[in-house]
N, C-alpha and C. Protein backbone atom coordinates (compact mmCIF):
# COMPACT_ATOMS: atom_id res chain seq x y z
N UNK A 1 -20.14 6.62 -3.06
CA UNK A 1 -18.88 5.94 -3.21
C UNK A 1 -19.46 4.47 -2.92
N UNK A 2 -19.31 3.19 -3.79
CA UNK A 2 -19.86 1.89 -3.22
C UNK A 2 -18.59 1.13 -3.51
N UNK A 3 -18.48 0.40 -2.24
CA UNK A 3 -17.09 -0.44 -2.49
C UNK A 3 -17.25 -1.79 -2.20
N UNK A 4 -17.16 -2.35 -3.33
CA UNK A 4 -16.88 -4.16 -2.60
C UNK A 4 -15.72 -4.66 -1.81
N UNK A 5 -15.64 -5.17 -0.68
CA UNK A 5 -14.96 -5.89 0.43
C UNK A 5 -14.89 -7.30 -0.05
N UNK A 6 -13.75 -8.37 -0.85
CA UNK A 6 -13.71 -9.63 -0.33
C UNK A 6 -12.98 -10.12 0.69
N UNK A 7 -13.10 -10.40 1.69
CA UNK A 7 -12.42 -11.26 2.72
C UNK A 7 -12.64 -12.90 2.33
N UNK A 8 -11.48 -13.39 2.16
CA UNK A 8 -11.23 -14.88 1.97
C UNK A 8 -10.37 -15.40 2.65
N UNK A 9 -9.60 -15.02 3.73
CA UNK A 9 -8.33 -15.73 4.17
C UNK A 9 -9.17 -16.21 5.41
N UNK A 10 -10.18 -15.84 5.84
CA UNK A 10 -10.87 -16.56 7.31
C UNK A 10 -11.53 -18.11 7.06
N UNK A 11 -11.77 -18.54 8.25
CA UNK A 11 -12.25 -19.76 7.97
C UNK A 11 -13.40 -19.85 7.40
N UNK A 12 -14.14 -18.52 7.53
CA UNK A 12 -15.54 -18.13 6.69
C UNK A 12 -15.53 -16.74 5.89
N UNK A 13 -15.28 -17.35 4.68
CA UNK A 13 -15.18 -16.13 3.57
C UNK A 13 -15.87 -15.22 3.72
N UNK A 14 -16.06 -13.96 3.40
CA UNK A 14 -17.11 -13.10 3.36
C UNK A 14 -17.21 -12.46 2.63
N UNK A 15 -18.18 -11.28 2.07
CA UNK A 15 -18.42 -10.28 1.40
C UNK A 15 -18.78 -8.80 1.84
N UNK A 16 -18.17 -7.72 1.96
CA UNK A 16 -18.69 -6.71 2.28
C UNK A 16 -19.13 -5.73 1.49
N UNK A 17 -20.17 -4.70 1.65
CA UNK A 17 -20.26 -3.74 0.84
C UNK A 17 -20.41 -2.64 1.94
N UNK A 18 -19.71 -1.36 1.68
CA UNK A 18 -19.15 -0.06 2.08
C UNK A 18 -19.91 0.85 0.95
N UNK A 19 -20.44 1.77 1.49
CA UNK A 19 -21.29 2.65 0.80
C UNK A 19 -21.36 4.03 1.66
N UNK A 20 -20.72 5.42 0.72
CA UNK A 20 -20.44 6.71 1.52
C UNK A 20 -20.20 6.45 2.83
N UNK A 21 -18.98 5.87 3.23
CA UNK A 21 -18.27 6.07 4.44
C UNK A 21 -18.53 5.28 5.44
N UNK A 22 -19.73 4.15 4.87
CA UNK A 22 -20.41 3.22 6.04
C UNK A 22 -20.68 1.67 5.31
N UNK A 23 -20.76 0.78 6.28
CA UNK A 23 -21.21 -0.19 6.14
C UNK A 23 -22.61 -0.41 5.40
N UNK A 24 -22.91 -0.76 4.06
CA UNK A 24 -24.14 -1.38 3.86
C UNK A 24 -24.48 -2.34 3.82
N UNK A 25 -23.68 -3.60 4.23
CA UNK A 25 -23.96 -5.13 3.84
C UNK A 25 -22.89 -5.70 4.50
N UNK A 26 -23.11 -6.28 5.99
CA UNK A 26 -22.00 -6.85 6.54
C UNK A 26 -22.44 -8.30 6.48
N UNK A 27 -21.85 -9.33 5.72
CA UNK A 27 -22.18 -10.35 5.27
C UNK A 27 -22.41 -11.36 6.35
N UNK A 28 -23.39 -12.18 6.06
CA UNK A 28 -23.22 -13.51 6.99
C UNK A 28 -22.31 -14.69 6.71
N UNK A 29 -22.05 -15.65 7.50
CA UNK A 29 -21.49 -16.75 6.95
C UNK A 29 -21.31 -16.98 5.51
N UNK A 30 -20.12 -17.33 4.40
CA UNK A 30 -20.76 -17.89 3.39
C UNK A 30 -19.74 -18.82 3.18
N UNK A 31 -19.31 -19.70 4.61
CA UNK A 31 -18.09 -20.69 4.16
C UNK A 31 -18.70 -21.53 2.88
N UNK A 32 -19.77 -21.90 2.58
CA UNK A 32 -20.25 -22.51 1.42
C UNK A 32 -19.77 -22.66 0.63
N UNK A 33 -19.06 -20.84 0.41
CA UNK A 33 -18.48 -20.96 -1.10
C UNK A 33 -17.03 -21.04 -0.91
N UNK A 34 -16.54 -21.10 -0.06
CA UNK A 34 -15.15 -21.69 -0.06
C UNK A 34 -14.24 -22.24 -0.79
N UNK A 35 -14.70 -23.14 -1.41
CA UNK A 35 -14.52 -23.83 -2.49
C UNK A 35 -15.44 -23.40 -3.85
N UNK A 36 -14.50 -22.66 -4.63
CA UNK A 36 -15.85 -22.49 -5.55
C UNK A 36 -16.25 -23.00 -6.74
N UNK A 37 -15.36 -24.56 -6.55
CA UNK A 37 -16.05 -25.90 -7.36
C UNK A 37 -17.41 -26.09 -6.78
N UNK A 38 -18.04 -25.84 -5.54
CA UNK A 38 -19.17 -26.32 -5.42
C UNK A 38 -19.88 -24.77 -4.56
N UNK A 39 -21.39 -24.95 -4.55
CA UNK A 39 -21.80 -23.57 -3.84
C UNK A 39 -21.95 -22.33 -4.88
N UNK A 40 -22.43 -21.29 -4.37
CA UNK A 40 -22.06 -20.19 -5.26
C UNK A 40 -21.20 -19.84 -5.49
N UNK A 41 -20.94 -19.14 -6.56
CA UNK A 41 -19.60 -18.58 -7.11
C UNK A 41 -19.34 -16.89 -6.57
N UNK A 42 -18.15 -16.41 -6.45
CA UNK A 42 -18.16 -14.91 -6.33
C UNK A 42 -18.55 -14.04 -6.96
N UNK A 43 -19.18 -14.79 -8.51
CA UNK A 43 -19.84 -13.63 -9.17
C UNK A 43 -21.25 -13.52 -9.08
N UNK A 44 -21.65 -14.66 -8.39
CA UNK A 44 -23.07 -15.25 -7.91
C UNK A 44 -23.67 -14.15 -6.70
N UNK A 45 -22.14 -14.60 -5.43
CA UNK A 45 -22.47 -13.62 -4.23
C UNK A 45 -22.59 -12.25 -4.48
N UNK A 46 -21.71 -11.93 -5.47
CA UNK A 46 -21.93 -10.35 -5.72
C UNK A 46 -22.65 -9.54 -6.16
N UNK A 47 -23.54 -10.69 -7.08
CA UNK A 47 -24.50 -9.88 -7.33
C UNK A 47 -26.01 -10.23 -6.54
N UNK A 48 -26.02 -11.08 -5.87
CA UNK A 48 -26.98 -11.37 -4.68
C UNK A 48 -27.01 -9.89 -3.61
N UNK A 49 -25.84 -9.94 -3.18
CA UNK A 49 -25.67 -8.90 -2.39
C UNK A 49 -25.63 -7.74 -2.94
N UNK A 50 -25.53 -7.25 -3.88
CA UNK A 50 -25.51 -5.82 -4.71
C UNK A 50 -27.05 -5.67 -4.92
N UNK A 51 -27.78 -6.74 -5.26
CA UNK A 51 -29.37 -6.71 -5.33
C UNK A 51 -29.69 -6.66 -3.70
N UNK A 52 -29.42 -6.74 -2.98
CA UNK A 52 -29.75 -6.72 -1.49
C UNK A 52 -30.27 -5.53 -1.22
N UNK A 53 -28.91 -4.26 -1.82
CA UNK A 53 -28.85 -2.79 -1.70
C UNK A 53 -29.34 -2.32 -2.75
N UNK A 54 -30.03 -2.81 -3.85
CA UNK A 54 -30.69 -2.04 -5.03
C UNK A 54 -29.48 -1.65 -5.61
N UNK A 55 -28.41 -2.21 -5.94
CA UNK A 55 -27.24 -1.70 -6.70
C UNK A 55 -26.96 -2.60 -7.65
N UNK A 56 -26.14 -2.20 -8.80
CA UNK A 56 -25.45 -3.63 -9.87
C UNK A 56 -24.31 -3.12 -9.60
N UNK A 57 -23.55 -3.87 -10.78
CA UNK A 57 -22.12 -4.48 -10.40
C UNK A 57 -21.46 -2.93 -11.04
N UNK A 58 -22.30 -2.87 -11.93
CA UNK A 58 -21.30 -0.96 -13.04
C UNK A 58 -21.71 0.00 -11.33
N UNK A 59 -22.17 -0.18 -10.62
CA UNK A 59 -22.11 1.00 -9.22
C UNK A 59 -21.22 1.04 -8.87
N UNK A 60 -20.42 -0.37 -8.49
CA UNK A 60 -19.03 -0.28 -7.96
C UNK A 60 -18.03 0.64 -8.42
N UNK A 61 -17.72 1.11 -7.47
CA UNK A 61 -16.62 2.24 -7.76
C UNK A 61 -15.08 1.94 -7.16
N UNK A 62 -15.06 0.97 -6.36
CA UNK A 62 -13.74 0.50 -5.76
C UNK A 62 -13.82 -0.99 -5.43
N UNK A 63 -12.75 -1.94 -5.08
CA UNK A 63 -12.36 -3.30 -4.63
C UNK A 63 -11.52 -2.76 -3.67
N UNK A 64 -12.01 -3.75 -2.43
CA UNK A 64 -10.54 -3.73 -1.53
C UNK A 64 -10.58 -5.15 -1.34
N UNK A 65 -9.30 -5.83 -1.68
CA UNK A 65 -9.15 -7.45 -2.11
C UNK A 65 -8.04 -8.20 -0.80
N UNK A 66 -8.58 -8.72 0.14
CA UNK A 66 -7.82 -9.58 0.79
C UNK A 66 -7.18 -10.70 -0.14
N UNK A 67 -5.72 -10.75 0.17
CA UNK A 67 -4.94 -11.39 -0.57
C UNK A 67 -4.22 -12.03 0.54
N UNK A 68 -4.61 -12.34 1.43
CA UNK A 68 -4.03 -13.42 2.61
C UNK A 68 -3.05 -12.91 3.33
N UNK A 69 -2.35 -13.89 4.03
CA UNK A 69 -2.04 -14.99 3.82
C UNK A 69 -3.21 -15.40 4.60
N UNK A 70 -3.50 -16.78 4.15
CA UNK A 70 -4.19 -17.91 4.76
C UNK A 70 -5.44 -18.22 3.97
N UNK A 71 -6.01 -19.84 3.92
CA UNK A 71 -6.83 -20.57 2.93
C UNK A 71 -6.15 -19.85 1.60
N UNK A 72 -5.37 -20.24 1.10
CA UNK A 72 -5.19 -20.38 -0.29
C UNK A 72 -5.79 -20.34 -1.43
N UNK A 73 -6.48 -21.34 -1.27
CA UNK A 73 -7.30 -22.11 -2.31
C UNK A 73 -8.90 -20.65 -2.58
N UNK A 74 -8.62 -20.24 -1.30
CA UNK A 74 -10.43 -19.40 -1.20
C UNK A 74 -10.13 -17.59 -1.70
N UNK A 75 -8.88 -17.88 -1.11
CA UNK A 75 -7.57 -16.20 -1.74
C UNK A 75 -7.78 -16.30 -3.19
N UNK A 76 -7.09 -17.19 -3.81
CA UNK A 76 -6.99 -17.10 -5.24
C UNK A 76 -8.15 -17.27 -5.68
N UNK A 77 -9.48 -17.59 -5.10
CA UNK A 77 -10.25 -17.56 -5.95
C UNK A 77 -10.98 -16.34 -6.03
N UNK A 78 -10.73 -15.69 -5.00
CA UNK A 78 -11.22 -14.31 -4.69
C UNK A 78 -10.18 -13.02 -5.38
N UNK A 79 -9.22 -13.51 -5.46
CA UNK A 79 -8.08 -12.73 -6.03
C UNK A 79 -8.39 -12.77 -7.42
N UNK A 80 -8.35 -13.86 -8.25
CA UNK A 80 -8.98 -13.61 -9.40
C UNK A 80 -10.36 -13.13 -9.84
N UNK A 81 -11.33 -13.12 -9.12
CA UNK A 81 -12.49 -12.61 -9.23
C UNK A 81 -12.04 -11.17 -9.19
N UNK A 82 -11.33 -10.51 -8.30
CA UNK A 82 -11.33 -9.42 -8.23
C UNK A 82 -10.72 -8.60 -9.28
N UNK A 83 -9.37 -9.72 -9.51
CA UNK A 83 -8.97 -8.44 -10.32
C UNK A 83 -9.56 -8.52 -12.20
N UNK A 84 -10.51 -9.63 -12.37
CA UNK A 84 -11.12 -9.52 -13.61
C UNK A 84 -12.24 -8.45 -13.46
N UNK A 85 -12.83 -8.18 -12.36
CA UNK A 85 -13.72 -7.30 -12.55
C UNK A 85 -13.15 -5.94 -12.33
N UNK A 86 -11.92 -6.10 -11.36
CA UNK A 86 -11.16 -4.63 -11.03
C UNK A 86 -11.16 -4.04 -12.94
N UNK A 87 -10.64 -5.13 -13.73
CA UNK A 87 -10.36 -4.84 -14.90
C UNK A 87 -11.27 -4.42 -15.85
N UNK A 88 -12.44 -5.49 -15.64
CA UNK A 88 -13.44 -5.25 -16.57
C UNK A 88 -14.22 -3.94 -16.64
N UNK A 89 -14.08 -3.32 -15.41
CA UNK A 89 -14.81 -2.02 -14.98
C UNK A 89 -14.01 -0.96 -15.02
N UNK A 90 -12.78 -1.18 -15.13
CA UNK A 90 -12.08 -0.09 -14.82
C UNK A 90 -11.55 0.73 -13.54
N UNK A 91 -11.77 -0.21 -12.56
CA UNK A 91 -11.99 0.45 -11.06
C UNK A 91 -10.68 -0.01 -10.15
N UNK A 92 -10.23 0.81 -9.45
CA UNK A 92 -9.32 0.62 -8.53
C UNK A 92 -9.42 -0.75 -7.70
N UNK A 93 -8.37 -1.78 -7.40
CA UNK A 93 -8.32 -2.45 -6.65
C UNK A 93 -7.36 -2.34 -5.42
N UNK A 94 -7.67 -2.83 -4.42
CA UNK A 94 -6.68 -2.19 -3.21
C UNK A 94 -6.47 -3.38 -2.48
N UNK A 95 -5.12 -3.76 -2.61
CA UNK A 95 -4.97 -5.29 -1.67
C UNK A 95 -4.92 -5.05 -0.32
N UNK A 96 -5.30 -6.08 0.44
CA UNK A 96 -5.44 -5.82 1.66
C UNK A 96 -4.96 -7.21 2.33
N UNK A 97 -3.73 -6.86 3.01
CA UNK A 97 -2.81 -7.68 3.76
C UNK A 97 -3.50 -8.21 5.07
N UNK A 98 -4.21 -9.40 5.06
CA UNK A 98 -5.02 -9.78 6.23
C UNK A 98 -4.09 -9.62 7.39
N UNK A 99 -2.78 -9.98 7.35
CA UNK A 99 -1.95 -9.81 8.86
C UNK A 99 -2.36 -8.58 9.36
N UNK A 100 -2.19 -7.43 8.41
CA UNK A 100 -2.13 -6.15 8.68
C UNK A 100 -3.41 -5.87 9.07
N UNK A 101 -4.43 -5.95 8.40
CA UNK A 101 -5.95 -5.90 8.83
C UNK A 101 -6.26 -6.14 10.06
N UNK A 102 -5.84 -7.84 10.45
CA UNK A 102 -5.73 -8.47 11.82
C UNK A 102 -5.55 -7.43 13.01
N UNK A 103 -4.13 -7.11 12.47
CA UNK A 103 -3.40 -6.42 13.51
C UNK A 103 -4.24 -5.07 14.26
N UNK A 104 -4.22 -4.53 12.96
CA UNK A 104 -4.79 -3.21 13.01
C UNK A 104 -6.24 -2.93 14.16
N UNK A 105 -6.91 -4.33 13.98
CA UNK A 105 -8.24 -4.49 14.63
C UNK A 105 -8.08 -4.53 15.86
N UNK A 106 -7.18 -5.63 15.91
CA UNK A 106 -6.78 -5.81 17.64
C UNK A 106 -6.20 -4.99 18.38
N UNK A 107 -5.54 -4.38 17.85
CA UNK A 107 -4.41 -3.23 18.06
C UNK A 107 -5.29 -2.23 18.68
N UNK A 108 -6.35 -2.08 18.09
CA UNK A 108 -7.63 -1.01 18.16
C UNK A 108 -8.54 -1.39 19.45
N UNK A 109 -8.63 -2.67 19.29
CA UNK A 109 -9.15 -3.32 20.54
C UNK A 109 -8.68 -3.26 21.82
N UNK A 110 -7.52 -3.72 22.27
CA UNK A 110 -6.47 -3.71 22.86
C UNK A 110 -5.08 -3.15 23.08
N UNK A 111 -5.05 -2.02 22.25
CA UNK A 111 -3.85 -1.16 22.86
C UNK A 111 -2.33 -1.93 22.79
N UNK A 112 -2.62 -3.61 22.58
CA UNK A 112 -1.34 -4.30 22.25
C UNK A 112 -0.69 -4.37 20.93
N UNK A 113 0.62 -4.65 21.08
CA UNK A 113 1.53 -5.03 19.81
C UNK A 113 0.83 -6.58 19.61
N UNK A 114 0.56 -6.88 18.48
CA UNK A 114 -0.54 -7.88 18.04
C UNK A 114 0.40 -8.97 17.07
N UNK A 115 0.17 -10.31 17.27
CA UNK A 115 0.68 -11.29 16.59
C UNK A 115 -0.10 -12.42 15.75
N UNK A 116 -0.23 -12.21 14.64
CA UNK A 116 -1.11 -12.84 13.98
C UNK A 116 -0.26 -14.33 12.95
N UNK A 117 -1.31 -15.03 13.37
CA UNK A 117 -1.06 -16.48 13.05
C UNK A 117 -2.10 -17.39 11.59
N UNK A 118 -1.49 -17.35 10.86
CA UNK A 118 -2.30 -18.30 9.52
C UNK A 118 -1.53 -19.56 9.36
N UNK A 119 -2.14 -20.52 9.60
CA UNK A 119 -1.63 -21.73 9.49
C UNK A 119 -1.47 -22.40 8.28
N UNK A 120 -0.42 -22.84 7.97
CA UNK A 120 -0.06 -23.82 6.47
C UNK A 120 0.39 -25.03 6.65
N UNK A 121 0.74 -25.33 5.37
CA UNK A 121 0.89 -27.03 5.41
C UNK A 121 2.51 -27.20 6.47
N UNK A 122 2.10 -28.40 6.76
CA UNK A 122 3.59 -29.32 7.29
C UNK A 122 3.95 -28.69 8.60
N UNK A 123 3.51 -27.79 9.09
CA UNK A 123 3.47 -27.57 10.65
C UNK A 123 3.89 -26.25 10.61
N UNK A 124 3.99 -25.56 9.33
CA UNK A 124 4.24 -24.55 9.05
C UNK A 124 3.23 -23.21 9.21
N UNK A 125 3.45 -22.08 9.47
CA UNK A 125 2.46 -20.83 9.55
C UNK A 125 3.04 -19.32 9.05
N UNK A 126 2.17 -18.41 8.65
CA UNK A 126 2.74 -16.94 8.52
C UNK A 126 2.55 -16.16 9.83
N UNK A 127 3.42 -15.64 10.34
CA UNK A 127 3.26 -15.15 11.52
C UNK A 127 3.92 -13.47 11.06
N UNK A 128 2.54 -12.78 11.57
CA UNK A 128 2.88 -11.42 11.05
C UNK A 128 3.03 -10.38 12.88
N UNK A 129 3.72 -9.30 12.95
CA UNK A 129 4.01 -8.53 14.03
C UNK A 129 3.50 -7.12 13.53
N UNK A 130 2.88 -6.51 13.98
CA UNK A 130 1.77 -4.99 14.11
C UNK A 130 2.39 -4.91 15.72
N UNK A 131 2.85 -3.99 15.38
CA UNK A 131 3.16 -2.79 16.26
C UNK A 131 2.59 -1.15 16.45
N UNK A 132 1.88 -0.72 16.90
CA UNK A 132 1.41 0.78 16.62
C UNK A 132 0.11 0.30 15.82
N UNK A 133 -0.55 -0.96 15.15
CA UNK A 133 -1.35 -0.50 14.34
C UNK A 133 -1.22 -0.90 12.99
N UNK A 134 0.71 -0.87 13.35
CA UNK A 134 1.51 -1.02 11.49
C UNK A 134 1.69 -2.53 11.45
N UNK A 135 1.99 -3.10 10.59
CA UNK A 135 2.52 -4.41 10.17
C UNK A 135 3.82 -3.97 10.11
N UNK A 136 4.99 -4.96 10.84
CA UNK A 136 6.18 -4.13 10.68
C UNK A 136 6.80 -5.58 10.18
N UNK A 137 6.42 -6.93 10.23
CA UNK A 137 7.16 -8.22 9.74
C UNK A 137 6.01 -9.15 9.77
N UNK A 138 6.48 -9.88 8.48
CA UNK A 138 5.57 -11.28 7.90
C UNK A 138 6.62 -11.80 7.83
N UNK A 139 6.23 -13.45 8.16
CA UNK A 139 7.24 -14.35 8.18
C UNK A 139 6.41 -15.90 7.70
N UNK A 140 7.32 -16.42 7.14
CA UNK A 140 6.68 -17.90 7.06
C UNK A 140 7.84 -19.39 7.39
N UNK A 141 7.28 -20.17 8.28
CA UNK A 141 8.00 -21.06 8.83
C UNK A 141 7.56 -21.87 9.64
N UNK A 142 8.14 -22.43 10.44
CA UNK A 142 7.95 -23.65 11.71
C UNK A 142 7.00 -22.46 12.66
N UNK A 143 5.85 -23.22 13.10
CA UNK A 143 4.94 -22.35 13.66
C UNK A 143 5.86 -21.85 14.71
N UNK A 144 6.50 -22.77 15.76
CA UNK A 144 6.80 -22.26 17.16
C UNK A 144 8.23 -21.40 17.12
N UNK A 145 9.01 -21.65 15.92
CA UNK A 145 10.06 -20.85 15.61
C UNK A 145 9.92 -19.80 15.41
N UNK A 146 8.77 -19.91 14.52
CA UNK A 146 8.30 -18.30 13.79
C UNK A 146 7.54 -17.39 14.39
N UNK A 147 6.63 -17.81 15.47
CA UNK A 147 6.20 -17.07 16.42
C UNK A 147 7.58 -16.62 17.98
N UNK A 148 8.29 -17.18 17.80
CA UNK A 148 9.07 -17.16 18.83
C UNK A 148 10.08 -15.70 18.24
N UNK A 149 10.12 -15.81 16.94
CA UNK A 149 11.08 -14.58 16.56
C UNK A 149 10.38 -13.27 16.22
N UNK A 150 9.11 -13.59 15.80
CA UNK A 150 8.01 -12.69 15.79
C UNK A 150 7.83 -11.86 17.12
N UNK A 151 7.82 -13.01 18.23
CA UNK A 151 7.36 -12.20 19.84
C UNK A 151 8.57 -11.32 20.39
N UNK A 152 9.87 -11.76 19.42
CA UNK A 152 11.26 -10.90 20.38
C UNK A 152 11.15 -9.58 20.98
N UNK A 153 11.61 -9.47 22.06
CA UNK A 153 11.40 -8.11 22.77
C UNK A 153 10.23 -7.65 23.36
N UNK A 154 9.27 -8.67 23.02
CA UNK A 154 7.87 -7.87 23.77
C UNK A 154 7.58 -8.97 25.07
N UNK A 155 6.53 -8.47 25.95
CA UNK A 155 6.49 -9.42 27.38
C UNK A 155 4.98 -9.55 27.04
N UNK A 156 4.06 -9.17 26.54
CA UNK A 156 2.63 -9.17 26.35
C UNK A 156 2.32 -8.95 24.87
N UNK A 157 1.30 -9.64 24.48
CA UNK A 157 1.04 -9.00 22.86
C UNK A 157 -0.40 -9.58 23.11
N UNK A 158 -1.30 -9.22 21.86
CA UNK A 158 -2.65 -9.54 21.74
C UNK A 158 -2.25 -10.75 20.62
N UNK A 159 -3.10 -12.02 20.33
CA UNK A 159 -2.80 -13.09 19.42
C UNK A 159 -4.02 -13.49 18.74
N UNK A 160 -3.58 -13.42 17.50
CA UNK A 160 -5.08 -13.31 16.70
C UNK A 160 -4.73 -14.45 15.56
N UNK A 161 -5.80 -15.66 15.67
CA UNK A 161 -5.75 -16.83 14.57
C UNK A 161 -4.97 -18.24 15.39
N UNK A 162 -4.39 -17.93 16.45
CA UNK A 162 -3.46 -19.20 17.13
C UNK A 162 -4.86 -19.95 18.06
N UNK A 163 -4.83 -21.45 17.37
CA UNK A 163 -5.90 -22.67 17.77
C UNK A 163 -5.29 -22.89 19.26
N UNK A 164 -6.53 -22.84 19.99
CA UNK A 164 -6.09 -23.49 21.44
C UNK A 164 -4.84 -24.60 21.35
N UNK A 165 -5.24 -25.67 20.28
CA UNK A 165 -3.92 -26.46 20.46
C UNK A 165 -2.68 -25.98 20.20
N UNK A 166 -2.43 -24.90 19.90
CA UNK A 166 -1.38 -24.54 19.40
C UNK A 166 -0.43 -23.97 20.50
N UNK A 167 -1.48 -23.45 21.64
CA UNK A 167 -1.15 -22.35 22.36
C UNK A 167 0.43 -22.69 23.22
N UNK A 168 0.63 -23.32 23.11
CA UNK A 168 2.20 -24.71 23.70
C UNK A 168 3.29 -23.80 22.86
N UNK A 169 2.84 -23.35 21.58
CA UNK A 169 3.81 -22.93 20.64
C UNK A 169 4.23 -21.50 21.04
N UNK A 170 3.75 -20.54 22.16
CA UNK A 170 3.80 -19.37 21.89
C UNK A 170 5.26 -19.21 23.38
N UNK A 171 6.14 -18.01 23.06
CA UNK A 171 6.75 -18.64 24.29
C UNK A 171 6.39 -18.41 25.50
N UNK A 172 7.21 -18.95 26.34
CA UNK A 172 6.63 -19.09 27.75
C UNK A 172 6.45 -17.75 28.42
N UNK A 173 7.24 -17.05 28.03
CA UNK A 173 7.55 -15.80 28.61
C UNK A 173 6.60 -14.58 27.82
N UNK A 174 5.87 -14.84 27.37
CA UNK A 174 4.92 -14.01 26.73
C UNK A 174 3.69 -14.14 27.45
N UNK A 175 3.18 -12.89 28.04
CA UNK A 175 1.77 -12.42 28.33
C UNK A 175 0.74 -12.55 27.23
N UNK A 176 0.23 -13.49 26.65
CA UNK A 176 -0.61 -13.17 25.46
C UNK A 176 -2.31 -13.08 25.88
N UNK A 177 -3.38 -12.29 24.78
CA UNK A 177 -4.27 -12.09 25.26
C UNK A 177 -5.06 -12.43 23.71
N UNK A 178 -5.68 -13.42 23.91
CA UNK A 178 -6.61 -14.09 22.49
C UNK A 178 -7.61 -12.74 21.88
N UNK A 179 -6.78 -12.77 20.60
CA UNK A 179 -8.05 -11.38 20.14
C UNK A 179 -8.47 -12.02 19.16
N UNK A 180 -9.05 -13.12 18.66
CA UNK A 180 -9.99 -13.58 17.89
C UNK A 180 -9.03 -14.79 16.91
N UNK A 181 -10.41 -14.99 16.38
CA UNK A 181 -10.31 -16.74 15.09
C UNK A 181 -9.56 -15.84 13.74
N UNK A 182 -9.28 -14.81 13.38
CA UNK A 182 -8.73 -14.07 12.24
C UNK A 182 -9.82 -14.17 11.18
N UNK A 183 -11.05 -13.29 11.39
CA UNK A 183 -12.21 -12.62 10.80
C UNK A 183 -11.99 -11.11 10.69
N UNK A 184 -11.61 -10.67 9.54
CA UNK A 184 -11.28 -9.35 9.40
C UNK A 184 -13.17 -8.77 9.42
N UNK A 185 -13.38 -7.65 10.60
CA UNK A 185 -15.08 -7.04 10.33
C UNK A 185 -15.12 -6.37 9.21
N UNK A 186 -16.72 -6.23 8.69
CA UNK A 186 -16.68 -5.19 7.53
C UNK A 186 -16.02 -3.52 8.30
N UNK A 187 -15.98 -3.15 9.28
CA UNK A 187 -15.70 -1.95 10.33
C UNK A 187 -13.99 -1.90 9.74
N UNK A 188 -13.57 -2.93 10.11
CA UNK A 188 -11.87 -2.74 9.71
C UNK A 188 -11.71 -2.45 8.10
N UNK A 189 -12.40 -2.86 7.14
CA UNK A 189 -12.25 -2.95 5.70
C UNK A 189 -12.67 -1.38 5.64
N UNK A 190 -13.68 -0.38 6.16
CA UNK A 190 -14.10 0.56 6.11
C UNK A 190 -12.84 1.80 6.65
N UNK A 191 -12.39 0.84 7.66
CA UNK A 191 -11.29 2.07 8.27
C UNK A 191 -9.92 2.07 7.23
N UNK A 192 -9.79 0.95 6.61
CA UNK A 192 -8.62 0.80 5.80
C UNK A 192 -8.92 1.20 4.44
N UNK A 193 -10.09 1.61 4.02
CA UNK A 193 -10.81 2.42 2.85
C UNK A 193 -10.49 3.75 2.83
N UNK A 194 -10.87 4.17 3.97
CA UNK A 194 -10.76 5.62 4.25
C UNK A 194 -9.17 5.86 4.71
N UNK A 195 -8.42 5.11 4.97
CA UNK A 195 -6.89 5.43 5.16
C UNK A 195 -5.90 5.19 4.14
N UNK A 196 -6.72 4.63 3.07
CA UNK A 196 -5.49 4.10 2.03
C UNK A 196 -6.45 4.60 0.56
N UNK A 197 -5.58 5.97 0.21
CA UNK A 197 -6.05 6.27 -1.57
C UNK A 197 -6.21 5.07 -2.39
N UNK A 198 -7.29 5.18 -3.03
CA UNK A 198 -7.59 4.60 -4.25
C UNK A 198 -6.33 4.69 -5.25
N UNK A 199 -6.11 3.98 -6.21
CA UNK A 199 -5.09 4.22 -7.39
C UNK A 199 -5.82 3.46 -8.62
N UNK A 200 -5.04 4.03 -9.70
CA UNK A 200 -5.81 3.14 -10.71
C UNK A 200 -5.61 1.74 -10.89
N UNK A 201 -6.15 0.99 -11.42
CA UNK A 201 -6.48 -0.45 -11.86
C UNK A 201 -5.00 -0.83 -11.81
N UNK A 202 -4.69 -1.70 -11.00
CA UNK A 202 -3.33 -2.78 -11.13
C UNK A 202 -4.21 -3.79 -10.52
N UNK A 203 -3.16 -4.76 -11.26
CA UNK A 203 -3.69 -6.38 -10.69
C UNK A 203 -2.99 -6.38 -9.39
N UNK A 204 -3.12 -7.63 -8.23
CA UNK A 204 -3.12 -7.45 -7.32
C UNK A 204 -2.52 -9.34 -7.29
N UNK A 205 -1.84 -9.69 -6.37
CA UNK A 205 -1.28 -10.74 -6.23
C UNK A 205 -1.54 -11.58 -4.83
N UNK A 206 -1.79 -13.01 -4.59
CA UNK A 206 -2.22 -13.18 -3.45
C UNK A 206 -0.51 -13.49 -2.78
N UNK A 207 -1.06 -13.50 -1.56
CA UNK A 207 0.43 -14.00 -0.68
C UNK A 207 0.53 -15.48 -0.29
N UNK A 208 1.89 -16.06 -0.89
CA UNK A 208 2.14 -17.34 -0.75
C UNK A 208 3.49 -17.17 -0.48
N UNK A 209 4.02 -18.60 0.24
CA UNK A 209 5.44 -18.48 0.54
C UNK A 209 6.61 -18.16 -0.24
N UNK A 210 6.30 -17.85 -1.64
CA UNK A 210 7.17 -17.15 -2.17
C UNK A 210 7.35 -15.46 -2.13
N UNK A 211 6.19 -14.88 -1.60
CA UNK A 211 6.08 -13.38 -1.72
C UNK A 211 7.19 -12.78 -1.29
N UNK A 212 7.81 -11.62 -1.91
CA UNK A 212 8.48 -10.61 -1.51
C UNK A 212 8.41 -9.88 -0.05
N UNK A 213 7.34 -9.84 0.26
CA UNK A 213 6.69 -9.40 1.71
C UNK A 213 7.14 -10.31 2.86
N UNK A 214 7.36 -11.52 2.37
CA UNK A 214 8.01 -12.55 3.23
C UNK A 214 9.73 -12.21 3.81
N UNK A 215 10.31 -11.67 2.83
CA UNK A 215 11.54 -11.18 2.95
C UNK A 215 12.09 -9.85 3.40
N UNK A 216 10.96 -8.65 3.13
CA UNK A 216 11.48 -7.83 3.30
C UNK A 216 12.13 -7.08 4.92
């Protein structure tokens, strides 16, 4: 079983390969392809990394696709590529919500509830709340206001993706533990792949400020 994982929402987009329940390739920094108009494309990245483990595109059995939120142009490019590849190969494409993956990762490390932050335009942000390793809420709005709403009822939490310059936006009553910058590790993709059954191919969509999940 060979699984291609596209992680595009972080500051440094990455591509991982999982094989037979293990990480086969833990990608190095690929920030040079954050803008598909310059540098290598996702297609070129995929071909090069498959070649590094002696595989070809036809060997891919499944795709795990980071649909955001975060770095919308990079996420859209990865989603377009992943959908096209999944369709062409008739392989399952499993959407991975970045907020859920990061929350699971931080909860596993800290045992705390987790607040995930992906800043967007105009002082707004996507803020997720993960309790017990499960995403229970994802909202978009002004950073301080949306953080306060997500943190309601919490006295302490792990916080992912909040820049030091924005720390003042946290509720003063919240004891916050910095849990990283928003990069999802290959091991977390592996954990998600093992916990999420593959389904027949269907295209996935990137998370935007119009996505239904923000109103659930």
